[in-house]
Amino acid sequence: MGTLGVLGLELVQMDTPPTTAYLQIYTEERCKANCLFCAQAKDSRAGLTHIARGMYIPADLDAVVSRLKMAYEKGYLRRACIQTALYDKWWEDTVYLIKSIREKSDIPVSLSVFPLGDERYEELCRLGVNEIVIPLDACTPGLFDKIKGKSAGGPYAWERHLDGIKRAARFFESVGTHLIIGLGETDEDAVKIIDELHGYNVNTALFSYTYVPGAQLVLETNKEESIRHYRTVQMARYLILEGIVAYLDMRFTDGALCDFGAQRDVILRLIEDGTAFQTSGCPECNRPMANETFSMMYNFPRKLNDKEIASVKKELGLG
């Protein structure tokens, strides 16, 4: 909806417009995968116009592509992000969409997709995709299997996803993955896989678990612990990606992070800066309100204000 608002195809009131165009090809087929958290999953009862909290309203492709060109040239949008689903004609439709964008505009294009063969990675590079994202979603092999693998009735496997991510790094200038924080992992589970992927030069973007009405996964969450856990992983991720500390420098007690491996004044300075708590992902992605509500802001789509910085300190036990 935010993308359509920026493109002028819907009237949307926004305090923070998206800087990336979020696109998904509309089909009345459900995805053949069965990720339990996803509205698009084959056994989901959720509406097909949702992914997490985000609404994907069908719109005319030609109008979207034409306005995407104008929005990029005027600086309103800086990237297009295409989200795929697994259905019979997904590859043909995705290639058609990428070509349609490329015929009109030089806007950088990211593609979020499951693992592919090397020949398709090569074709995507030729088509002009400069960033590929292969979502792991879960932080451990066991959770992956339970949430989106064989135990969930899905086609995916942890080892194949990791292999697909590593192979993609040979073809694309930038490779990323997504982790959904709040599926039952510990601080240590999340930090360990972020550190491992960083070793392959893979950027990890963080999402919070968000229940979608009609989706198969319903988890009870403690609000206070949920935000502590999320903020802790955000800070640890930032420390790792900035090369300040590594997983082995940190200390954990029963899976809970008790020492970031950096001096307190360093942590406080980074909180004051606030970048660690802004949306993570592809360049120029701010993803406003994808997982958030106004009462619970996990990923800030802009710089934090003083009140929000004070809140983050408190959530990390440093306020």
C-alpha atoms as a PDB file:
ATOM      1  CA  MET A   1       0.000   0.000   0.000  1.00  0.00           C
ATOM      2  CA  GLY A   2       2.864   2.365   0.789  1.00  0.00           C
ATOM      3  CA  THR A   3       4.405   1.655  -2.613  1.00  0.00           C
ATOM      4  CA  LEU A   4       1.117   2.399  -4.371  1.00  0.00           C
ATOM      5  CA  GLY A   5       0.916   5.614  -2.365  1.00  0.00           C
ATOM      6  CA  VAL A   6       4.361   6.755  -3.521  1.00  0.00           C
ATOM      7  CA  LEU A   7       3.458   5.810  -7.107  1.00  0.00           C
ATOM      8  CA  GLY A   8       0.254   7.839  -6.891  1.00  0.00           C
ATOM      9  CA  LEU A   9      -1.965   4.813  -7.544  1.00  0.00           C
ATOM     10  CA  GLU A  10      -3.642   4.874  -4.116  1.00  0.00           C
ATOM     11  CA  LEU A  11      -4.376   7.672  -1.678  1.00  0.00           C
ATOM     12  CA  VAL A  12      -2.352   6.685   1.400  1.00  0.00           C
ATOM     13  CA  GLN A  13      -1.594   8.823   4.445  1.00  0.00           C
ATOM     14  CA  MET A  14       2.053   8.204   5.440  1.00  0.00           C
ATOM     15  CA  ASP A  15       4.401   9.850   7.891  1.00  0.00           C
ATOM     16  CA  THR A  16       7.297   7.789   6.474  1.00  0.00           C
ATOM     17  CA  PRO A  17       6.917   6.748   2.814  1.00  0.00           C
ATOM     18  CA  PRO A  18       8.795   3.644   1.642  1.00  0.00           C
ATOM     19  CA  THR A  19      12.050   4.314  -0.194  1.00  0.00           C
ATOM     20  CA  THR A  20      11.888   0.895  -1.871  1.00  0.00           C
ATOM     21  CA  ALA A  21       9.037  -0.284  -4.111  1.00  0.00           C
ATOM     22  CA  TYR A  22       7.739  -3.578  -2.705  1.00  0.00           C
ATOM     23  CA  LEU A  23       6.315  -5.753  -5.471  1.00  0.00           C
ATOM     24  CA  GLN A  24       4.776  -9.207  -5.677  1.00  0.00           C
ATOM     25  CA  ILE A  25       3.156 -10.803  -8.722  1.00  0.00           C
ATOM     26  CA  TYR A  26      -0.505 -11.392  -7.960  1.00  0.00           C
ATOM     27  CA  THR A  27      -1.869 -14.876  -8.571  1.00  0.00           C
ATOM     28  CA  GLU A  28      -4.927 -16.655  -7.224  1.00  0.00           C
ATOM     29  CA  GLU A  29      -2.780 -19.775  -6.764  1.00  0.00           C
ATOM     30  CA  ARG A  30      -1.483 -20.320  -3.271  1.00  0.00           C
ATOM     31  CA  CYS A  31       2.245 -20.880  -2.869  1.00  0.00           C
ATOM     32  CA  LYS A  32       3.265 -24.546  -3.067  1.00  0.00           C
ATOM     33  CA  ALA A  33       5.456 -24.022  -0.022  1.00  0.00           C
ATOM     34  CA  ASN A  34       3.815 -24.157   3.403  1.00  0.00           C
ATOM     35  CA  CYS A  35       5.742 -21.759   5.637  1.00  0.00           C
ATOM     36  CA  LEU A  36       3.536 -21.660   8.719  1.00  0.00           C
ATOM     37  CA  PHE A  37       3.906 -17.911   9.339  1.00  0.00           C
ATOM     38  CA  CYS A  38       3.007 -16.914   5.768  1.00  0.00           C
ATOM     39  CA  ALA A  39      -0.352 -15.716   4.484  1.00  0.00           C
ATOM     40  CA  GLN A  40       0.484 -17.105   1.022  1.00  0.00           C
ATOM     41  CA  ALA A  41       1.185 -20.710   2.192  1.00  0.00           C
ATOM     42  CA  LYS A  42      -0.691 -23.583   0.572  1.00  0.00           C
ATOM     43  CA  ASP A  43      -2.598 -24.492   3.767  1.00  0.00           C
ATOM     44  CA  SER A  44      -3.082 -20.921   4.991  1.00  0.00           C
ATOM     45  CA  ARG A  45      -6.577 -19.462   5.324  1.00  0.00           C
ATOM     46  CA  ALA A  46      -5.305 -15.877   5.250  1.00  0.00           C
ATOM     47  CA  GLY A  47      -6.109 -13.482   2.442  1.00  0.00           C
ATOM     48  CA  LEU A  48      -3.825 -13.527  -0.601  1.00  0.00           C
ATOM     49  CA  THR A  49      -3.322  -9.760  -0.432  1.00  0.00           C
ATOM     50  CA  HIS A  50      -1.217  -9.996   2.734  1.00  0.00           C
ATOM     51  CA  ILE A  51       2.381 -10.769   3.591  1.00  0.00           C
ATOM     52  CA  ALA A  52       2.842 -10.313   7.325  1.00  0.00           C
ATOM     53  CA  ARG A  53       1.066  -6.996   8.101  1.00  0.00           C
ATOM     54  CA  GLY A  54       1.795  -5.574   4.667  1.00  0.00           C
ATOM     55  CA  MET A  55      -1.066  -5.374   2.168  1.00  0.00           C
ATOM     56  CA  TYR A  56      -0.299  -6.123  -1.479  1.00  0.00           C
ATOM     57  CA  ILE A  57      -3.223  -4.717  -3.445  1.00  0.00           C
ATOM     58  CA  PRO A  58      -3.414  -5.834  -7.114  1.00  0.00           C
ATOM     59  CA  ALA A  59      -2.562  -3.023  -9.533  1.00  0.00           C
ATOM     60  CA  ASP A  60      -2.044  -2.689 -13.289  1.00  0.00           C
ATOM     61  CA  LEU A  61       1.484  -3.775 -14.221  1.00  0.00           C
ATOM     62  CA  ASP A  62       2.011  -1.182 -16.972  1.00  0.00           C
ATOM     63  CA  ALA A  63       0.928   1.631 -14.657  1.00  0.00           C
ATOM     64  CA  VAL A  64       3.212   0.398 -11.885  1.00  0.00           C
ATOM     65  CA  VAL A  65       6.245   0.067 -14.169  1.00  0.00           C
ATOM     66  CA  SER A  66       5.718   3.486 -15.802  1.00  0.00           C
ATOM     67  CA  ARG A  67       5.312   5.260 -12.490  1.00  0.00           C
ATOM     68  CA  LEU A  68       8.243   3.324 -11.021  1.00  0.00           C
ATOM     69  CA  LYS A  69      10.459   4.917 -13.658  1.00  0.00           C
ATOM     70  CA  MET A  70       9.217   8.413 -12.769  1.00  0.00           C
ATOM     71  CA  ALA A  71       9.471   7.826  -9.004  1.00  0.00           C
ATOM     72  CA  TYR A  72      13.081   6.625  -9.374  1.00  0.00           C
ATOM     73  CA  GLU A  73      14.083   9.545 -11.579  1.00  0.00           C
ATOM     74  CA  LYS A  74      12.564  12.009  -9.096  1.00  0.00           C
ATOM     75  CA  GLY A  75      14.310  10.316  -6.141  1.00  0.00           C
ATOM     76  CA  TYR A  76      11.138   9.155  -4.408  1.00  0.00           C
ATOM     77  CA  LEU A  77      12.115   5.489  -4.760  1.00  0.00           C
ATOM     78  CA  ARG A  78      15.653   4.129  -4.836  1.00  0.00           C
ATOM     79  CA  ARG A  79      15.121   0.385  -5.328  1.00  0.00           C
ATOM     80  CA  ALA A  80      12.516  -2.170  -6.408  1.00  0.00           C
ATOM     81  CA  CYS A  81      12.161  -5.359  -4.352  1.00  0.00           C
ATOM     82  CA  ILE A  82      10.355  -8.316  -5.921  1.00  0.00           C
ATOM     83  CA  GLN A  83       8.981 -11.007  -3.599  1.00  0.00           C
ATOM     84  CA  THR A  84       8.383 -14.401  -5.224  1.00  0.00           C
ATOM     85  CA  ALA A  85       5.990 -17.216  -4.400  1.00  0.00           C
ATOM     86  CA  LEU A  86       6.306 -20.845  -5.559  1.00  0.00           C
ATOM     87  CA  TYR A  87       3.610 -21.559  -8.157  1.00  0.00           C
ATOM     88  CA  ASP A  88       3.582 -23.110 -11.642  1.00  0.00           C
ATOM     89  CA  LYS A  89       4.567 -20.037 -13.709  1.00  0.00           C
ATOM     90  CA  TRP A  90       6.561 -18.158 -11.076  1.00  0.00           C
ATOM     91  CA  TRP A  91       9.801 -18.126 -13.114  1.00  0.00           C
ATOM     92  CA  GLU A  92       8.227 -16.928 -16.381  1.00  0.00           C
ATOM     93  CA  ASP A  93       6.214 -14.259 -14.552  1.00  0.00           C
ATOM     94  CA  THR A  94       9.203 -13.068 -12.546  1.00  0.00           C
ATOM     95  CA  VAL A  95      11.418 -12.785 -15.635  1.00  0.00           C
ATOM     96  CA  TYR A  96       8.631 -10.870 -17.407  1.00  0.00           C
ATOM     97  CA  LEU A  97       8.324  -8.416 -14.521  1.00  0.00           C
ATOM     98  CA  ILE A  98      12.097  -7.835 -14.305  1.00  0.00           C
ATOM     99  CA  LYS A  99      12.330  -7.283 -18.077  1.00  0.00           C
ATOM    100  CA  SER A 100       9.354  -4.886 -17.950  1.00  0.00           C
ATOM    101  CA  ILE A 101      11.097  -2.812 -15.272  1.00  0.00           C
ATOM    102  CA  ARG A 102      14.451  -2.903 -17.056  1.00  0.00           C
ATOM    103  CA  GLU A 103      12.937  -1.745 -20.375  1.00  0.00           C
ATOM    104  CA  LYS A 104      11.779   1.443 -18.640  1.00  0.00           C
ATOM    105  CA  SER A 105      14.191   2.156 -15.798  1.00  0.00           C
ATOM    106  CA  ASP A 106      17.650   1.695 -14.321  1.00  0.00           C
ATOM    107  CA  ILE A 107      16.282   1.399 -10.774  1.00  0.00           C
ATOM    108  CA  PRO A 108      18.279  -1.199  -8.758  1.00  0.00           C
ATOM    109  CA  VAL A 109      16.321  -4.451  -8.417  1.00  0.00           C
ATOM    110  CA  SER A 110      16.379  -6.961  -5.564  1.00  0.00           C
ATOM    111  CA  LEU A 111      14.757 -10.379  -5.779  1.00  0.00           C
ATOM    112  CA  SER A 112      13.652 -12.401  -2.751  1.00  0.00           C
ATOM    113  CA  VAL A 113      13.496 -16.034  -3.784  1.00  0.00           C
ATOM    114  CA  PHE A 114      14.137 -19.634  -2.698  1.00  0.00           C
ATOM    115  CA  PRO A 115      17.437 -21.351  -3.746  1.00  0.00           C
ATOM    116  CA  LEU A 116      17.916 -21.633  -7.507  1.00  0.00           C
ATOM    117  CA  GLY A 117      20.320 -23.407  -9.830  1.00  0.00           C
ATOM    118  CA  ASP A 118      23.453 -21.613 -11.023  1.00  0.00           C
ATOM    119  CA  GLU A 119      22.060 -21.139 -14.548  1.00  0.00           C
ATOM    120  CA  ARG A 120      19.108 -19.173 -13.186  1.00  0.00           C
ATOM    121  CA  TYR A 121      21.399 -17.098 -10.985  1.00  0.00           C
ATOM    122  CA  GLU A 122      23.374 -16.275 -14.128  1.00  0.00           C
ATOM    123  CA  GLU A 123      20.212 -15.311 -16.028  1.00  0.00           C
ATOM    124  CA  LEU A 124      19.032 -13.048 -13.204  1.00  0.00           C
ATOM    125  CA  CYS A 125      22.403 -11.287 -13.284  1.00  0.00           C
ATOM    126  CA  ARG A 126      22.063 -10.762 -17.047  1.00  0.00           C
ATOM    127  CA  LEU A 127      18.561  -9.380 -16.538  1.00  0.00           C
ATOM    128  CA  GLY A 128      19.945  -6.741 -14.184  1.00  0.00           C
ATOM    129  CA  VAL A 129      19.101  -8.047 -10.705  1.00  0.00           C
ATOM    130  CA  ASN A 130      21.897  -6.739  -8.477  1.00  0.00           C
ATOM    131  CA  GLU A 131      20.830  -8.128  -5.112  1.00  0.00           C
ATOM    132  CA  ILE A 132      19.342 -11.511  -4.283  1.00  0.00           C
ATOM    133  CA  VAL A 133      17.779 -12.491  -0.988  1.00  0.00           C
ATOM    134  CA  ILE A 134      17.179 -16.113   0.049  1.00  0.00           C
ATOM    135  CA  PRO A 135      15.213 -16.108   3.314  1.00  0.00           C
ATOM    136  CA  LEU A 136      16.167 -18.625   5.968  1.00  0.00           C
ATOM    137  CA  ASP A 137      13.511 -17.158   8.288  1.00  0.00           C
ATOM    138  CA  ALA A 138      14.367 -19.581  11.102  1.00  0.00           C
ATOM    139  CA  CYS A 139      17.653 -19.415  13.029  1.00  0.00           C
ATOM    140  CA  THR A 140      18.320 -23.146  13.515  1.00  0.00           C
ATOM    141  CA  PRO A 141      17.892 -26.329  11.446  1.00  0.00           C
ATOM    142  CA  GLY A 142      15.273 -27.659  13.881  1.00  0.00           C
ATOM    143  CA  LEU A 143      13.137 -24.520  13.760  1.00  0.00           C
ATOM    144  CA  PHE A 144      13.533 -24.321   9.987  1.00  0.00           C
ATOM    145  CA  ASP A 145      12.195 -27.858   9.577  1.00  0.00           C
ATOM    146  CA  LYS A 146       9.311 -27.191  11.953  1.00  0.00           C
ATOM    147  CA  ILE A 147       8.314 -23.839  10.463  1.00  0.00           C
ATOM    148  CA  LYS A 148       8.954 -24.194   6.715  1.00  0.00           C
ATOM    149  CA  GLY A 149      10.610 -27.561   6.041  1.00  0.00           C
ATOM    150  CA  LYS A 150       9.463 -31.166   5.784  1.00  0.00           C
ATOM    151  CA  SER A 151       7.730 -31.218   9.183  1.00  0.00           C
ATOM    152  CA  ALA A 152       5.633 -28.233   8.060  1.00  0.00           C
ATOM    153  CA  GLY A 153       4.654 -29.978   4.830  1.00  0.00           C
ATOM    154  CA  GLY A 154       6.960 -27.748   2.821  1.00  0.00           C
ATOM    155  CA  PRO A 155       9.576 -28.476   0.116  1.00  0.00           C
ATOM    156  CA  TYR A 156      12.517 -26.688   1.745  1.00  0.00           C
ATOM    157  CA  ALA A 157      15.550 -27.980   3.649  1.00  0.00           C
ATOM    158  CA  TRP A 158      18.060 -26.038   5.767  1.00  0.00           C
ATOM    159  CA  GLU A 159      21.092 -27.470   3.979  1.00  0.00           C
ATOM    160  CA  ARG A 160      19.740 -26.614   0.516  1.00  0.00           C
ATOM    161  CA  HIS A 161      18.933 -23.067   1.610  1.00  0.00           C
ATOM    162  CA  LEU A 162      22.434 -22.528   2.997  1.00  0.00           C
ATOM    163  CA  ASP A 163      23.929 -24.001  -0.168  1.00  0.00           C
ATOM    164  CA  GLY A 164      21.767 -21.712  -2.316  1.00  0.00           C
ATOM    165  CA  ILE A 165      22.880 -18.678  -0.320  1.00  0.00           C
ATOM    166  CA  LYS A 166      26.560 -19.576  -0.591  1.00  0.00           C
ATOM    167  CA  ARG A 167      26.335 -20.253  -4.358  1.00  0.00           C
ATOM    168  CA  ALA A 168      24.453 -17.003  -4.942  1.00  0.00           C
ATOM    169  CA  ALA A 169      27.382 -15.123  -3.413  1.00  0.00           C
ATOM    170  CA  ARG A 170      29.474 -16.190  -6.432  1.00  0.00           C
ATOM    171  CA  PHE A 171      27.148 -14.425  -8.874  1.00  0.00           C
ATOM    172  CA  PHE A 172      25.683 -11.323  -7.224  1.00  0.00           C
ATOM    173  CA  GLU A 173      27.367  -8.202  -5.911  1.00  0.00           C
ATOM    174  CA  SER A 174      25.151  -8.412  -2.848  1.00  0.00           C
ATOM    175  CA  VAL A 175      23.426 -11.392  -1.190  1.00  0.00           C
ATOM    176  CA  GLY A 176      21.110 -11.319   1.776  1.00  0.00           C
ATOM    177  CA  THR A 177      18.816 -13.431   3.894  1.00  0.00           C
ATOM    178  CA  HIS A 178      15.944 -12.810   6.300  1.00  0.00           C
ATOM    179  CA  LEU A 179      15.562 -14.025   9.861  1.00  0.00           C
ATOM    180  CA  ILE A 180      12.241 -13.833  11.672  1.00  0.00           C
ATOM    181  CA  ILE A 181      13.012 -13.181  15.318  1.00  0.00           C
ATOM    182  CA  GLY A 182      10.514 -14.618  17.780  1.00  0.00           C
ATOM    183  CA  LEU A 183       9.933 -18.123  16.421  1.00  0.00           C
ATOM    184  CA  GLY A 184      11.395 -19.781  19.521  1.00  0.00           C
ATOM    185  CA  GLU A 185      15.123 -19.211  19.009  1.00  0.00           C
ATOM    186  CA  THR A 186      17.454 -17.955  21.736  1.00  0.00           C
ATOM    187  CA  ASP A 187      19.670 -14.877  21.549  1.00  0.00           C
ATOM    188  CA  GLU A 188      22.598 -17.181  20.917  1.00  0.00           C
ATOM    189  CA  ASP A 189      20.855 -19.082  18.105  1.00  0.00           C
ATOM    190  CA  ALA A 190      20.225 -15.837  16.234  1.00  0.00           C
ATOM    191  CA  VAL A 191      23.636 -14.278  16.849  1.00  0.00           C
ATOM    192  CA  LYS A 192      25.489 -17.450  15.860  1.00  0.00           C
ATOM    193  CA  ILE A 193      23.823 -17.784  12.436  1.00  0.00           C
ATOM    194  CA  ILE A 194      24.180 -14.035  11.758  1.00  0.00           C
ATOM    195  CA  ASP A 195      27.917 -14.341  12.462  1.00  0.00           C
ATOM    196  CA  GLU A 196      28.232 -17.461  10.289  1.00  0.00           C
ATOM    197  CA  LEU A 197      26.470 -15.822   7.341  1.00  0.00           C
ATOM    198  CA  HIS A 198      28.544 -12.663   7.749  1.00  0.00           C
ATOM    199  CA  GLY A 199      31.577 -14.884   7.199  1.00  0.00           C
ATOM    200  CA  TYR A 200      30.193 -15.602   3.714  1.00  0.00           C
ATOM    201  CA  ASN A 201      29.624 -11.864   3.136  1.00  0.00           C
ATOM    202  CA  VAL A 202      25.860 -12.341   3.457  1.00  0.00           C
ATOM    203  CA  ASN A 203      23.758  -9.546   4.977  1.00  0.00           C
ATOM    204  CA  THR A 204      21.072 -10.652   7.418  1.00  0.00           C
ATOM    205  CA  ALA A 205      17.876  -8.599   7.594  1.00  0.00           C
ATOM    206  CA  LEU A 206      15.728  -8.902  10.704  1.00  0.00           C
ATOM    207  CA  PHE A 207      11.959  -9.221  10.872  1.00  0.00           C
ATOM    208  CA  SER A 208       9.817  -9.741  13.941  1.00  0.00           C
ATOM    209  CA  TYR A 209       7.320 -12.582  14.162  1.00  0.00           C
ATOM    210  CA  THR A 210       3.913 -11.158  13.297  1.00  0.00           C
ATOM    211  CA  TYR A 211       0.712 -13.167  13.468  1.00  0.00           C
ATOM    212  CA  VAL A 212      -1.415 -12.851  10.342  1.00  0.00           C
ATOM    213  CA  PRO A 213      -5.103 -13.759  10.859  1.00  0.00           C
ATOM    214  CA  GLY A 214      -5.690 -17.043   9.039  1.00  0.00           C
ATOM    215  CA  ALA A 215      -2.011 -18.093   8.983  1.00  0.00           C
ATOM    216  CA  GLN A 216      -1.124 -21.450  10.520  1.00  0.00           C
ATOM    217  CA  LEU A 217       1.400 -20.292  13.109  1.00  0.00           C
ATOM    218  CA  VAL A 218       0.042 -18.825  16.323  1.00  0.00           C
ATOM    219  CA  LEU A 219       2.656 -18.105  18.998  1.00  0.00           C
ATOM    220  CA  GLU A 220       2.110 -16.678  22.436  1.00  0.00           C
ATOM    221  CA  THR A 221       4.524 -13.820  23.037  1.00  0.00           C
ATOM    222  CA  ASN A 222       5.568 -11.931  26.150  1.00  0.00           C
ATOM    223  CA  LYS A 223       5.761  -8.306  25.037  1.00  0.00           C
ATOM    224  CA  GLU A 224       8.603  -7.323  27.368  1.00  0.00           C
ATOM    225  CA  GLU A 225      10.746 -10.374  26.577  1.00  0.00           C
ATOM    226  CA  SER A 226       9.938 -10.134  22.868  1.00  0.00           C
ATOM    227  CA  ILE A 227      11.294  -6.602  22.567  1.00  0.00           C
ATOM    228  CA  ARG A 228      14.337  -7.343  24.790  1.00  0.00           C
ATOM    229  CA  HIS A 229      15.198 -10.322  22.604  1.00  0.00           C
ATOM    230  CA  TYR A 230      14.715  -8.339  19.393  1.00  0.00           C
ATOM    231  CA  ARG A 231      16.771  -5.345  20.539  1.00  0.00           C
ATOM    232  CA  THR A 232      19.557  -7.656  21.737  1.00  0.00           C
ATOM    233  CA  VAL A 233      19.761  -9.396  18.349  1.00  0.00           C
ATOM    234  CA  GLN A 234      19.647  -6.037  16.537  1.00  0.00           C
ATOM    235  CA  MET A 235      22.586  -4.734  18.560  1.00  0.00           C
ATOM    236  CA  ALA A 236      24.584  -7.956  18.206  1.00  0.00           C
ATOM    237  CA  ARG A 237      23.950  -8.008  14.447  1.00  0.00           C
ATOM    238  CA  TYR A 238      25.175  -4.431  14.090  1.00  0.00           C
ATOM    239  CA  LEU A 239      28.313  -5.118  16.116  1.00  0.00           C
ATOM    240  CA  ILE A 240      29.103  -8.120  13.911  1.00  0.00           C
ATOM    241  CA  LEU A 241      28.395  -6.444  10.564  1.00  0.00           C
ATOM    242  CA  GLU A 242      30.423  -3.364  11.550  1.00  0.00           C
ATOM    243  CA  GLY A 243      33.366  -5.579  12.530  1.00  0.00           C
ATOM    244  CA  ILE A 244      33.362  -4.347  16.136  1.00  0.00           C
ATOM    245  CA  VAL A 245      33.008  -7.786  17.728  1.00  0.00           C
ATOM    246  CA  ALA A 246      32.222 -11.353  16.631  1.00  0.00           C
ATOM    247  CA  TYR A 247      30.026 -14.103  18.051  1.00  0.00           C
ATOM    248  CA  LEU A 248      33.013 -15.641  19.849  1.00  0.00           C
ATOM    249  CA  ASP A 249      33.619 -12.360  21.708  1.00  0.00           C
ATOM    250  CA  MET A 250      30.121 -12.409  23.197  1.00  0.00           C
ATOM    251  CA  ARG A 251      28.942 -14.279  26.299  1.00  0.00           C
ATOM    252  CA  PHE A 252      25.687 -16.151  26.817  1.00  0.00           C
ATOM    253  CA  THR A 253      23.951 -17.771  29.776  1.00  0.00           C
ATOM    254  CA  ASP A 254      21.424 -20.474  28.877  1.00  0.00           C
ATOM    255  CA  GLY A 255      21.130 -18.921  25.422  1.00  0.00           C
ATOM    256  CA  ALA A 256      20.555 -15.366  26.678  1.00  0.00           C
ATOM    257  CA  LEU A 257      23.187 -12.781  25.750  1.00  0.00           C
ATOM    258  CA  CYS A 258      24.779 -11.330  28.881  1.00  0.00           C
ATOM    259  CA  ASP A 259      27.859  -9.610  27.394  1.00  0.00           C
ATOM    260  CA  PHE A 260      28.100  -8.007  23.946  1.00  0.00           C
ATOM    261  CA  GLY A 261      31.878  -8.232  24.059  1.00  0.00           C
ATOM    262  CA  ALA A 262      32.235  -4.458  23.820  1.00  0.00           C
ATOM    263  CA  GLN A 263      32.676  -1.751  26.423  1.00  0.00           C
ATOM    264  CA  ARG A 264      29.520  -0.223  27.904  1.00  0.00           C
ATOM    265  CA  ASP A 265      30.368   3.226  26.526  1.00  0.00           C
ATOM    266  CA  VAL A 266      30.617   1.745  23.015  1.00  0.00           C
ATOM    267  CA  ILE A 267      27.167   0.160  23.353  1.00  0.00           C
ATOM    268  CA  LEU A 268      25.678   3.389  24.707  1.00  0.00           C
ATOM    269  CA  ARG A 269      27.219   5.400  21.877  1.00  0.00           C
ATOM    270  CA  LEU A 270      25.710   3.028  19.305  1.00  0.00           C
ATOM    271  CA  ILE A 271      22.308   3.270  20.960  1.00  0.00           C
ATOM    272  CA  GLU A 272      22.540   7.071  20.812  1.00  0.00           C
ATOM    273  CA  ASP A 273      23.391   6.799  17.117  1.00  0.00           C
ATOM    274  CA  GLY A 274      20.356   4.541  16.579  1.00  0.00           C
ATOM    275  CA  THR A 275      21.370   3.030  13.235  1.00  0.00           C
ATOM    276  CA  ALA A 276      21.433  -0.493  14.699  1.00  0.00           C
ATOM    277  CA  PHE A 277      17.682  -0.309  15.295  1.00  0.00           C
ATOM    278  CA  GLN A 278      16.649   1.021  11.903  1.00  0.00           C
ATOM    279  CA  THR A 279      15.353  -1.325   9.215  1.00  0.00           C
ATOM    280  CA  SER A 280      17.965  -3.830   8.056  1.00  0.00           C
ATOM    281  CA  GLY A 281      17.993  -5.294   4.565  1.00  0.00           C
ATOM    282  CA  CYS A 282      18.923  -4.258   1.046  1.00  0.00           C
ATOM    283  CA  PRO A 283      20.352  -0.762   0.495  1.00  0.00           C
ATOM    284  CA  GLU A 284      17.680   1.952   0.716  1.00  0.00           C
ATOM    285  CA  CYS A 285      15.104  -0.393   2.312  1.00  0.00           C
ATOM    286  CA  ASN A 286      13.140   1.214   5.148  1.00  0.00           C
ATOM    287  CA  ARG A 287      10.130  -1.181   5.088  1.00  0.00           C
ATOM    288  CA  PRO A 288       7.800   1.032   7.138  1.00  0.00           C
ATOM    289  CA  MET A 289       5.177  -0.755   9.247  1.00  0.00           C
ATOM    290  CA  ALA A 290       5.801  -4.199   7.701  1.00  0.00           C
ATOM    291  CA  ASN A 291       5.878  -5.875  11.125  1.00  0.00           C
ATOM    292  CA  GLU A 292       5.200  -2.916  13.348  1.00  0.00           C
ATOM    293  CA  THR A 293       2.297  -1.209  15.030  1.00  0.00           C
ATOM    294  CA  PHE A 294       2.530   2.285  16.476  1.00  0.00           C
ATOM    295  CA  SER A 295       2.639   0.753  19.963  1.00  0.00           C
ATOM    296  CA  MET A 296       5.463  -1.704  19.114  1.00  0.00           C
ATOM    297  CA  MET A 297       8.170  -0.482  16.756  1.00  0.00           C
ATOM    298  CA  TYR A 298      10.734  -3.213  16.055  1.00  0.00           C
ATOM    299  CA  ASN A 299      12.417  -1.712  12.976  1.00  0.00           C
ATOM    300  CA  PHE A 300      12.511   2.065  12.760  1.00  0.00           C
ATOM    301  CA  PRO A 301      12.093   3.292   9.143  1.00  0.00           C
ATOM    302  CA  ARG A 302      13.914   6.554   9.932  1.00  0.00           C
ATOM    303  CA  LYS A 303      16.287   8.039  12.494  1.00  0.00           C
ATOM    304  CA  LEU A 304      15.225   7.566  16.104  1.00  0.00           C
ATOM    305  CA  ASN A 305      14.126  10.525  18.189  1.00  0.00           C
ATOM    306  CA  ASP A 306      15.276  11.137  21.780  1.00  0.00           C
ATOM    307  CA  LYS A 307      12.242   9.412  23.298  1.00  0.00           C
ATOM    308  CA  GLU A 308      12.808   6.312  21.163  1.00  0.00           C
ATOM    309  CA  ILE A 309      16.516   6.190  22.065  1.00  0.00           C
ATOM    310  CA  ALA A 310      15.606   6.331  25.754  1.00  0.00           C
ATOM    311  CA  SER A 311      13.119   3.517  25.201  1.00  0.00           C
ATOM    312  CA  VAL A 312      15.746   1.340  23.480  1.00  0.00           C
ATOM    313  CA  LYS A 313      18.140   1.859  26.402  1.00  0.00           C
ATOM    314  CA  LYS A 314      15.442   0.690  28.781  1.00  0.00           C
ATOM    315  CA  GLU A 315      14.566  -2.318  26.604  1.00  0.00           C
ATOM    316  CA  LEU A 316      18.239  -3.381  26.655  1.00  0.00           C
ATOM    317  CA  GLY A 317      18.464  -2.889  30.430  1.00  0.00           C
ATOM    318  CA  LEU A 318      20.752   0.124  30.054  1.00  0.00           C
ATOM    319  CA  GLY A 319      18.263   2.898  30.758  1.00  0.00           C
END
